[in-house]
Amino acid sequence: MAMVKSAVFGEHGESAASRERSARQSGPAAEPEVKVTYNYVVRESSQVRKAAEADFPTRWGHFRILGFEGKTADGTEEAVALVHGDIKNSTPLVRVHSQCLTGDVFGSLRCDCRQQLEMALEMIAGARSGVLIYEQKEGRGIGLMAKLKAYALQDQGMDTVQANEYLGFKADHRGFELPAQILVALGVKQVRLLSNNPEKVAAVEAAGVQVVERVPCEVEPQEHTQKYLKTKQEKLGHLLNKTAK
């Protein structure tokens, strides 16, 4: 038996589907999506220079990605800044994030780095304006191979500070000079700093950028991060309210 497809026709022989298509075609055109693009003027100096800039859409929102090279006490360093919105005519939400291959890329549960990174990007994209500076300071500045050696020592019972010091490093080798210089180069005068670390606040303000508010960047403690977060609080002075007992 052949299948018959029925249609409802109007008095002029036009089907309902045809009339609906005609109405859609003759109706007002949809408004095109407008993407606002900001031009970020960078004031280079003997300490920092912009090496590259490009469009950078992400699953959190639209950014511009700027690559920087700078001179610090530790030599020449590189960092990137993800910039969102109008950072000149507002007080941007700023996060300084140190590279963590194990956490940011591989999703390690030994630290809270990836959760903090994703939280920061989501909060910045949801704000009127913001900057995330990603500096190449693996393992609080000791480097990837040394960090893995520190992991092995932690497996034997040391905390992160004890492991770093056993390997001949300071508890934290970061000075945050380049991130602070990048904010100055971007013309940022004051920020809302997304951080639990008072040292970051001090470094930003030492560069002449006013921190009008410290915004917590704290994630819920998990089984594998309890000791790690407690060490951050007790030995590194991080301001944490959710630290596990």
Protein backbone atom coordinates (compact mmCIF):
# COMPACT_ATOMS: atom_id res chain seq x y z
CA MET A 1 0.00 0.00 0.00
CA ALA A 2 1.33 3.42 -0.92
CA MET A 3 1.74 5.90 1.94
CA VAL A 4 -0.07 9.20 1.38
CA LYS A 5 1.33 12.35 3.02
CA SER A 6 -1.55 14.69 3.86
CA ALA A 7 -1.49 18.46 4.07
CA VAL A 8 -4.01 21.11 5.08
CA PHE A 9 -4.68 23.65 2.35
CA GLY A 10 -6.21 27.11 2.60
CA GLU A 11 -8.86 28.56 0.40
CA HIS A 12 -6.30 29.54 -2.24
CA GLY A 13 -4.74 26.10 -2.41
CA GLU A 14 -1.71 27.02 -0.29
CA SER A 15 -0.65 24.49 2.34
CA ALA A 16 -0.20 25.45 6.01
CA ALA A 17 3.48 24.54 5.78
CA SER A 18 3.90 26.82 2.76
CA ARG A 19 2.17 29.68 4.54
CA GLU A 20 4.44 29.20 7.57
CA ARG A 21 7.55 29.26 5.39
CA SER A 22 6.33 32.42 3.66
CA ALA A 23 5.70 34.11 7.00
CA ARG A 24 9.19 33.25 8.19
CA GLN A 25 10.74 34.52 4.96
CA SER A 26 8.77 37.77 4.94
CA GLY A 27 9.23 38.45 8.65
CA PRO A 28 11.88 40.80 10.08
CA ALA A 29 15.45 39.56 9.71
CA ALA A 30 17.17 38.34 12.88
CA GLU A 31 19.56 40.80 14.47
CA PRO A 32 23.18 39.86 13.71
CA GLU A 33 25.34 38.97 16.70
CA VAL A 34 27.68 41.80 17.57
CA LYS A 35 31.12 40.94 18.90
CA VAL A 36 32.83 43.78 20.71
CA THR A 37 36.59 43.83 20.18
CA TYR A 38 38.87 45.93 22.33
CA ASN A 39 42.28 47.15 21.26
CA TYR A 40 44.72 46.69 24.12
CA VAL A 41 47.51 49.25 23.98
CA VAL A 42 50.67 47.87 25.57
CA ARG A 43 53.30 50.18 27.00
CA GLU A 44 56.55 48.30 26.59
CA SER A 45 59.58 48.99 28.75
CA SER A 46 63.09 47.68 29.34
CA GLN A 47 61.52 45.07 31.65
CA VAL A 48 58.68 43.75 29.49
CA ARG A 49 57.68 43.60 25.83
CA LYS A 50 54.72 42.17 23.95
CA ALA A 51 55.82 39.36 21.62
CA ALA A 52 52.48 38.35 20.10
CA GLU A 53 48.71 38.90 20.21
CA ALA A 54 45.78 36.97 18.77
CA ASP A 55 42.05 36.32 19.06
CA PHE A 56 41.29 33.61 21.63
CA PRO A 57 37.75 32.17 21.91
CA THR A 58 37.36 29.69 24.77
CA ARG A 59 34.53 27.62 26.24
CA TRP A 60 34.27 30.24 29.01
CA GLY A 61 34.10 33.26 26.74
CA HIS A 62 35.94 35.46 24.29
CA PHE A 63 39.46 36.66 25.11
CA ARG A 64 42.51 38.17 23.46
CA ILE A 65 45.74 36.26 24.15
CA LEU A 66 48.91 38.33 24.49
CA GLY A 67 52.39 36.84 24.80
CA PHE A 68 54.99 38.69 26.86
CA GLU A 69 58.73 38.45 27.43
CA GLY A 70 60.28 40.08 30.44
CA LYS A 71 63.42 40.45 32.48
CA THR A 72 63.36 39.53 36.16
CA ALA A 73 65.87 38.67 38.85
CA ASP A 74 65.80 35.08 37.57
CA GLY A 75 66.57 36.05 33.98
CA THR A 76 64.34 36.23 30.90
CA GLU A 77 60.83 34.87 31.38
CA GLU A 78 57.72 34.37 29.27
CA ALA A 79 54.06 34.63 30.18
CA VAL A 80 50.70 35.02 28.49
CA ALA A 81 47.78 37.24 29.40
CA LEU A 82 44.19 36.34 28.54
CA VAL A 83 42.36 39.66 28.42
CA HIS A 84 38.58 40.06 28.48
CA GLY A 85 36.47 43.18 28.11
CA ASP A 86 37.30 46.82 28.75
CA ILE A 87 40.15 46.77 31.26
CA LYS A 88 40.86 50.49 30.93
CA ASN A 89 37.52 51.93 32.04
CA SER A 90 36.71 49.49 34.82
CA THR A 91 38.43 47.66 37.65
CA PRO A 92 39.29 44.28 36.09
CA LEU A 93 39.17 40.96 37.90
CA VAL A 94 42.74 39.62 37.73
CA ARG A 95 44.19 36.17 38.33
CA VAL A 96 47.93 35.36 38.32
CA HIS A 97 48.21 31.62 37.68
CA SER A 98 51.46 29.66 37.74
CA GLN A 99 51.89 26.90 35.20
CA CYS A 100 51.04 23.42 36.48
CA LEU A 101 51.39 20.75 33.80
CA THR A 102 50.31 17.96 36.12
CA GLY A 103 47.18 19.75 37.29
CA ASP A 104 46.18 22.10 34.46
CA VAL A 105 46.75 19.54 31.67
CA PHE A 106 46.60 16.07 33.24
CA GLY A 107 44.03 16.80 35.95
CA SER A 108 46.18 15.77 38.91
CA LEU A 109 44.32 15.47 42.20
CA ARG A 110 47.48 16.27 44.19
CA CYS A 111 46.77 20.01 43.86
CA ASP A 112 43.90 22.43 43.25
CA CYS A 113 45.52 24.19 40.27
CA ARG A 114 43.17 23.10 37.50
CA GLN A 115 40.09 23.87 39.56
CA GLN A 116 41.47 27.32 40.35
CA LEU A 117 42.34 27.96 36.69
CA GLU A 118 38.89 27.02 35.45
CA MET A 119 37.19 28.94 38.26
CA ALA A 120 39.20 32.04 37.38
CA LEU A 121 38.40 31.85 33.65
CA GLU A 122 34.70 31.41 34.39
CA MET A 123 34.64 34.32 36.84
CA ILE A 124 36.61 36.62 34.52
CA ALA A 125 34.39 35.78 31.54
CA GLY A 126 31.35 36.52 33.71
CA ALA A 127 32.76 39.85 34.87
CA ARG A 128 32.73 43.10 32.95
CA SER A 129 36.47 42.86 32.40
CA GLY A 130 39.42 40.81 33.51
CA VAL A 131 42.90 39.44 32.94
CA LEU A 132 44.35 36.00 33.58
CA ILE A 133 48.15 35.98 33.54
CA TYR A 134 49.67 32.53 33.09
CA GLU A 135 53.33 32.47 34.09
CA GLN A 136 55.79 29.65 33.45
CA LYS A 137 56.57 28.84 37.08
CA GLU A 138 56.06 25.09 37.34
CA GLY A 139 56.19 23.76 40.90
CA ARG A 140 56.22 27.25 42.45
CA GLY A 141 59.24 28.04 40.30
CA ILE A 142 61.44 24.95 40.78
CA GLY A 143 60.71 23.39 37.37
CA LEU A 144 58.99 20.23 36.20
CA MET A 145 61.70 17.63 36.91
CA ALA A 146 62.36 19.00 40.39
CA LYS A 147 58.62 19.02 41.00
CA LEU A 148 58.39 15.31 40.15
CA LYS A 149 61.26 14.61 42.55
CA ALA A 150 59.34 16.55 45.18
CA TYR A 151 56.32 14.36 44.43
CA ALA A 152 58.41 11.29 45.24
CA LEU A 153 59.46 12.82 48.57
CA GLN A 154 55.84 13.63 49.35
CA ASP A 155 55.00 9.99 48.71
CA GLN A 156 57.41 9.21 51.54
CA GLY A 157 55.63 11.55 53.94
CA MET A 158 57.03 15.05 53.38
CA ASP A 159 54.77 18.00 52.68
CA THR A 160 55.34 20.31 49.69
CA VAL A 161 57.47 22.79 51.64
CA GLN A 162 59.64 20.10 53.22
CA ALA A 163 60.18 18.44 49.84
CA ASN A 164 61.22 21.69 48.13
CA GLU A 165 63.63 22.57 50.92
CA TYR A 166 65.09 19.03 50.98
CA LEU A 167 65.91 19.45 47.29
CA GLY A 168 67.70 22.74 48.02
CA PHE A 169 64.95 25.14 46.95
CA LYS A 170 62.99 27.78 48.80
CA ALA A 171 59.44 26.93 49.81
CA ASP A 172 58.27 29.24 47.01
CA HIS A 173 60.64 30.45 44.28
CA ARG A 174 58.17 32.85 42.69
CA GLY A 175 58.44 36.61 42.92
CA PHE A 176 55.57 37.52 40.57
CA GLU A 177 57.65 40.33 39.01
CA LEU A 178 56.66 39.63 35.40
CA PRO A 179 52.89 39.37 36.05
CA ALA A 180 53.01 42.69 37.88
CA GLN A 181 54.96 44.27 34.99
CA ILE A 182 52.39 42.95 32.52
CA LEU A 183 49.57 44.67 34.39
CA VAL A 184 51.52 47.92 34.26
CA ALA A 185 52.20 47.43 30.54
CA LEU A 186 48.47 46.93 29.95
CA GLY A 187 47.80 50.26 31.63
CA VAL A 188 45.88 48.73 34.54
CA LYS A 189 45.82 51.05 37.55
CA GLN A 190 43.74 49.05 40.00
CA VAL A 191 42.45 45.49 40.19
CA ARG A 192 40.26 43.06 42.02
CA LEU A 193 42.81 40.30 42.62
CA LEU A 194 41.56 36.73 42.52
CA SER A 195 43.95 35.06 44.95
CA ASN A 196 44.42 33.39 48.32
CA ASN A 197 48.10 34.35 48.44
CA PRO A 198 49.12 37.58 50.24
CA GLU A 199 52.47 37.50 48.37
CA LYS A 200 50.65 38.10 45.09
CA VAL A 201 48.84 41.06 46.56
CA ALA A 202 52.15 42.52 47.76
CA ALA A 203 53.86 41.97 44.38
CA VAL A 204 51.07 43.65 42.42
CA GLU A 205 50.96 46.64 44.75
CA ALA A 206 54.77 46.93 44.72
CA ALA A 207 54.53 47.50 40.96
CA GLY A 208 52.19 50.45 41.52
CA VAL A 209 48.89 48.69 40.81
CA GLN A 210 46.30 49.15 43.55
CA VAL A 211 44.51 46.05 44.79
CA VAL A 212 41.08 47.37 45.73
CA GLU A 213 39.76 43.92 46.66
CA ARG A 214 41.17 40.45 47.22
CA VAL A 215 38.68 37.95 45.84
CA PRO A 216 39.06 34.39 47.20
CA CYS A 217 39.93 31.67 44.70
CA GLU A 218 39.22 28.67 46.86
CA VAL A 219 37.98 25.22 45.92
CA GLU A 220 36.51 22.52 48.13
CA PRO A 221 39.20 20.31 49.72
CA GLN A 222 39.29 16.71 48.52
CA GLU A 223 40.89 13.57 49.87
CA HIS A 224 44.11 14.04 47.89
CA THR A 225 44.43 17.80 48.52
CA GLN A 226 43.81 17.98 52.26
CA LYS A 227 47.46 17.89 53.34
CA TYR A 228 48.50 20.08 50.40
CA LEU A 229 46.00 22.82 51.31
CA LYS A 230 46.78 22.63 55.01
CA THR A 231 50.48 23.17 54.21
CA LYS A 232 49.58 26.17 52.04
CA GLN A 233 47.65 27.67 54.92
CA GLU A 234 50.04 26.91 57.78
CA LYS A 235 53.45 27.29 56.10
CA LEU A 236 52.87 29.61 53.16
CA GLY A 237 50.31 31.91 54.74
CA HIS A 238 47.55 31.37 52.20
CA LEU A 239 44.17 32.69 53.27
CA LEU A 240 41.89 29.64 53.21
CA ASN A 241 38.53 29.17 54.86
CA LYS A 242 37.68 25.71 53.56
CA THR A 243 40.88 23.93 54.58
CA ALA A 244 40.21 20.36 55.65
CA LYS A 245 40.56 19.50 59.31
